């Protein structure tokens, strides 16, 4: 396992990000890339994540988010700046 200095080197200095698996649904892959933006201002808010429907568990080819995860990301748990 990499130590903090190695992680810092890879992520902050080298700009590396995890590889998104080829079988990842396109909508989810896009969301992941947005969430991994180096500039926090370019990352989506929780509300934007919810609005993207990439986390819906309605049978569409997206991530199958559990009810608990969905509730944790619900409007009730976002800050005013995320709305």
N, C-alpha and C. Protein backbone atom coordinates (compact mmCIF):
# COMPACT_ATOMS: atom_id res chain seq x y z
N UNK A 1 0.85 -1.18 0.00
CA UNK A 1 0.00 0.00 0.00
C UNK A 1 0.90 1.25 0.00
N UNK A 2 0.49 2.23 -0.76
CA UNK A 2 1.27 3.47 -0.86
C UNK A 2 1.08 4.32 0.39
N UNK A 3 2.14 4.99 0.78
CA UNK A 3 2.07 5.88 1.92
C UNK A 3 1.57 7.26 1.48
N UNK A 4 1.31 8.13 2.45
CA UNK A 4 0.80 9.47 2.14
C UNK A 4 1.66 10.26 1.16
N UNK A 5 2.98 10.15 1.29
CA UNK A 5 3.87 10.90 0.39
C UNK A 5 3.73 10.39 -1.05
N UNK A 6 3.59 9.07 -1.20
CA UNK A 6 3.42 8.50 -2.54
C UNK A 6 2.09 8.90 -3.15
N UNK A 7 1.05 8.87 -2.35
CA UNK A 7 -0.28 9.27 -2.83
C UNK A 7 -0.24 10.73 -3.25
N UNK A 8 0.35 11.57 -2.43
CA UNK A 8 0.48 13.00 -2.75
C UNK A 8 1.21 13.18 -4.09
N UNK A 9 2.31 12.47 -4.24
CA UNK A 9 3.10 12.56 -5.48
C UNK A 9 2.25 12.19 -6.69
N UNK A 10 1.55 11.07 -6.60
CA UNK A 10 0.76 10.59 -7.74
C UNK A 10 -0.42 11.49 -8.05
N UNK A 11 -1.14 11.91 -7.02
CA UNK A 11 -2.38 12.66 -7.24
C UNK A 11 -2.12 14.15 -7.46
N UNK A 12 -1.39 14.78 -6.58
CA UNK A 12 -1.21 16.23 -6.63
C UNK A 12 -0.14 16.63 -7.65
N UNK A 13 1.00 16.01 -7.58
CA UNK A 13 2.11 16.39 -8.44
C UNK A 13 1.93 15.84 -9.87
N UNK A 14 1.65 14.53 -9.96
CA UNK A 14 1.56 13.88 -11.28
C UNK A 14 0.16 13.96 -11.90
N UNK A 15 -0.85 14.34 -11.11
CA UNK A 15 -2.21 14.45 -11.64
C UNK A 15 -2.86 13.13 -12.01
N UNK A 16 -2.41 12.05 -11.43
CA UNK A 16 -2.97 10.73 -11.76
C UNK A 16 -4.34 10.55 -11.11
N UNK A 17 -5.17 9.80 -11.78
CA UNK A 17 -6.51 9.47 -11.29
C UNK A 17 -6.74 7.97 -11.52
N UNK A 18 -7.69 7.37 -10.79
CA UNK A 18 -7.98 5.95 -11.00
C UNK A 18 -8.47 5.71 -12.44
N UNK A 19 -8.20 4.53 -12.93
CA UNK A 19 -8.70 4.14 -14.25
C UNK A 19 -10.16 3.74 -14.12
N UNK A 20 -10.98 4.27 -15.00
CA UNK A 20 -12.40 3.91 -15.00
C UNK A 20 -12.55 2.66 -15.87
N UNK A 21 -13.14 1.60 -15.32
CA UNK A 21 -13.28 0.36 -16.08
C UNK A 21 -14.06 0.56 -17.38
N UNK A 22 -13.68 -0.13 -18.44
CA UNK A 22 -14.35 0.02 -19.73
C UNK A 22 -15.84 -0.32 -19.68
N UNK A 23 -16.25 -1.19 -18.78
CA UNK A 23 -17.66 -1.58 -18.69
C UNK A 23 -18.49 -0.61 -17.85
N UNK A 24 -17.87 0.43 -17.35
CA UNK A 24 -18.59 1.42 -16.56
C UNK A 24 -19.59 2.15 -17.46
N UNK A 25 -20.84 2.27 -17.02
CA UNK A 25 -21.82 3.00 -17.83
C UNK A 25 -21.32 4.41 -18.15
N UNK A 26 -21.51 4.89 -19.38
CA UNK A 26 -20.98 6.19 -19.79
C UNK A 26 -21.40 7.35 -18.89
N UNK A 27 -22.65 7.36 -18.46
CA UNK A 27 -23.13 8.45 -17.60
C UNK A 27 -22.38 8.45 -16.27
N UNK A 28 -22.14 7.26 -15.73
CA UNK A 28 -21.40 7.16 -14.47
C UNK A 28 -19.93 7.52 -14.68
N UNK A 29 -19.34 7.09 -15.79
CA UNK A 29 -17.94 7.43 -16.08
C UNK A 29 -17.76 8.94 -16.16
N UNK A 30 -18.70 9.62 -16.79
CA UNK A 30 -18.64 11.08 -16.88
C UNK A 30 -18.70 11.70 -15.50
N UNK A 31 -19.61 11.21 -14.66
CA UNK A 31 -19.74 11.73 -13.30
C UNK A 31 -18.46 11.51 -12.50
N UNK A 32 -17.88 10.33 -12.62
CA UNK A 32 -16.64 10.03 -11.90
C UNK A 32 -15.54 11.01 -12.32
N UNK A 33 -15.41 11.23 -13.63
CA UNK A 33 -14.40 12.16 -14.13
C UNK A 33 -14.63 13.57 -13.59
N UNK A 34 -15.89 13.98 -13.54
CA UNK A 34 -16.20 15.31 -13.00
C UNK A 34 -15.83 15.40 -11.52
N UNK A 35 -16.11 14.35 -10.76
CA UNK A 35 -15.82 14.35 -9.33
C UNK A 35 -14.31 14.32 -9.05
N UNK A 36 -13.53 13.85 -10.01
CA UNK A 36 -12.08 13.76 -9.83
C UNK A 36 -11.33 14.96 -10.39
N UNK A 37 -12.06 15.99 -10.79
CA UNK A 37 -11.41 17.22 -11.28
C UNK A 37 -10.46 17.76 -10.22
N UNK A 38 -9.30 18.21 -10.66
CA UNK A 38 -8.32 18.77 -9.73
C UNK A 38 -8.85 20.04 -9.07
N UNK A 39 -9.49 20.88 -9.86
CA UNK A 39 -10.04 22.15 -9.37
C UNK A 39 -11.39 21.89 -8.71
N UNK A 40 -11.51 22.10 -7.39
CA UNK A 40 -12.78 21.84 -6.70
C UNK A 40 -13.96 22.62 -7.28
N UNK A 41 -13.70 23.77 -7.87
CA UNK A 41 -14.78 24.57 -8.46
C UNK A 41 -15.41 23.87 -9.66
N UNK A 42 -14.68 22.96 -10.28
CA UNK A 42 -15.19 22.24 -11.46
C UNK A 42 -15.92 20.95 -11.07
N UNK A 43 -15.83 20.56 -9.80
CA UNK A 43 -16.51 19.34 -9.34
C UNK A 43 -17.99 19.61 -9.14
N UNK A 44 -18.84 18.60 -9.39
CA UNK A 44 -20.28 18.81 -9.19
C UNK A 44 -20.63 18.89 -7.71
N UNK A 45 -21.70 19.61 -7.42
CA UNK A 45 -22.24 19.65 -6.06
C UNK A 45 -23.04 18.37 -5.84
N UNK A 46 -23.43 18.10 -4.61
CA UNK A 46 -24.26 16.92 -4.36
C UNK A 46 -25.57 17.01 -5.14
N UNK A 47 -26.13 18.20 -5.21
CA UNK A 47 -27.37 18.35 -5.96
C UNK A 47 -27.17 18.04 -7.44
N UNK A 48 -26.06 18.47 -8.00
CA UNK A 48 -25.78 18.18 -9.40
C UNK A 48 -25.57 16.68 -9.61
N UNK A 49 -24.96 16.02 -8.63
CA UNK A 49 -24.79 14.56 -8.71
C UNK A 49 -26.16 13.89 -8.73
N UNK A 50 -27.03 14.31 -7.83
CA UNK A 50 -28.38 13.74 -7.80
C UNK A 50 -29.13 14.02 -9.09
N UNK A 51 -29.02 15.22 -9.60
CA UNK A 51 -29.72 15.61 -10.82
C UNK A 51 -29.21 14.87 -12.04
N UNK A 52 -27.98 14.36 -11.99
CA UNK A 52 -27.41 13.64 -13.13
C UNK A 52 -28.05 12.27 -13.31
N UNK A 53 -28.67 11.75 -12.27
CA UNK A 53 -29.32 10.43 -12.27
C UNK A 53 -28.34 9.28 -12.49
N UNK A 54 -27.05 9.54 -12.42
CA UNK A 54 -26.06 8.49 -12.56
C UNK A 54 -26.09 7.52 -11.38
N UNK A 55 -26.67 7.95 -10.26
CA UNK A 55 -26.74 7.11 -9.07
C UNK A 55 -28.13 6.50 -8.86
N UNK A 56 -29.00 6.63 -9.83
CA UNK A 56 -30.35 6.08 -9.69
C UNK A 56 -30.31 4.55 -9.65
N UNK A 57 -31.20 3.99 -8.89
CA UNK A 57 -31.31 2.53 -8.86
C UNK A 57 -32.69 2.12 -9.38
N UNK A 58 -32.99 2.61 -10.56
CA UNK A 58 -34.30 2.35 -11.16
C UNK A 58 -34.24 1.33 -12.29
N UNK A 59 -33.14 0.58 -12.38
CA UNK A 59 -33.02 -0.43 -13.41
C UNK A 59 -32.33 0.06 -14.67
N UNK A 60 -32.00 1.34 -14.73
CA UNK A 60 -31.28 1.86 -15.90
C UNK A 60 -29.83 1.40 -15.81
N UNK A 61 -29.10 1.42 -16.91
CA UNK A 61 -27.71 0.96 -16.87
C UNK A 61 -26.80 1.98 -16.19
N UNK A 62 -27.03 2.19 -14.91
CA UNK A 62 -26.18 3.07 -14.12
C UNK A 62 -25.82 2.33 -12.85
N UNK A 63 -25.10 2.98 -11.98
CA UNK A 63 -24.72 2.34 -10.73
C UNK A 63 -25.98 2.00 -9.93
N UNK A 64 -25.98 0.90 -9.27
CA UNK A 64 -27.15 0.51 -8.47
C UNK A 64 -26.90 0.91 -7.03
N UNK A 65 -27.27 2.11 -6.76
CA UNK A 65 -27.08 2.77 -5.48
C UNK A 65 -28.08 2.17 -4.47
N UNK A 66 -27.61 1.87 -3.29
CA UNK A 66 -28.52 1.35 -2.28
C UNK A 66 -29.41 2.46 -1.75
N UNK A 67 -30.52 2.10 -1.17
CA UNK A 67 -31.43 3.09 -0.59
C UNK A 67 -30.74 3.96 0.44
N UNK A 68 -29.86 3.36 1.24
CA UNK A 68 -29.14 4.12 2.27
C UNK A 68 -28.26 5.18 1.61
N UNK A 69 -27.51 4.79 0.58
CA UNK A 69 -26.65 5.76 -0.11
C UNK A 69 -27.47 6.87 -0.72
N UNK A 70 -28.60 6.49 -1.31
CA UNK A 70 -29.48 7.48 -1.93
C UNK A 70 -29.97 8.49 -0.87
N UNK A 71 -30.37 7.98 0.29
CA UNK A 71 -30.83 8.87 1.36
C UNK A 71 -29.70 9.75 1.87
N UNK A 72 -28.49 9.20 1.94
CA UNK A 72 -27.35 9.99 2.42
C UNK A 72 -27.05 11.14 1.46
N UNK A 73 -27.33 10.94 0.18
CA UNK A 73 -27.06 11.98 -0.81
C UNK A 73 -28.29 12.84 -1.10
N UNK A 74 -29.35 12.60 -0.36
CA UNK A 74 -30.59 13.32 -0.62
C UNK A 74 -30.48 14.79 -0.24
N UNK A 75 -31.45 15.57 -0.67
CA UNK A 75 -31.46 17.01 -0.41
C UNK A 75 -31.38 17.31 1.07
N UNK A 76 -31.94 16.44 1.89
CA UNK A 76 -31.95 16.66 3.33
C UNK A 76 -30.53 16.65 3.92
N UNK A 77 -29.60 16.06 3.21
CA UNK A 77 -28.24 15.94 3.74
C UNK A 77 -27.26 16.82 2.99
N UNK A 78 -27.71 17.70 2.13
CA UNK A 78 -26.80 18.60 1.43
C UNK A 78 -26.78 19.94 2.13
N UNK A 79 -25.74 20.69 1.89
CA UNK A 79 -25.65 22.01 2.49
C UNK A 79 -26.38 23.01 1.60
N UNK A 80 -26.65 24.19 2.13
CA UNK A 80 -27.33 25.21 1.36
C UNK A 80 -26.56 25.55 0.08
N UNK A 81 -25.24 25.49 0.13
CA UNK A 81 -24.45 25.83 -1.06
C UNK A 81 -24.58 24.77 -2.15
N UNK A 82 -25.02 23.55 -1.78
CA UNK A 82 -25.20 22.47 -2.76
C UNK A 82 -26.55 22.52 -3.44
N UNK A 83 -27.46 23.34 -2.98
CA UNK A 83 -28.81 23.35 -3.54
C UNK A 83 -28.94 24.33 -4.66
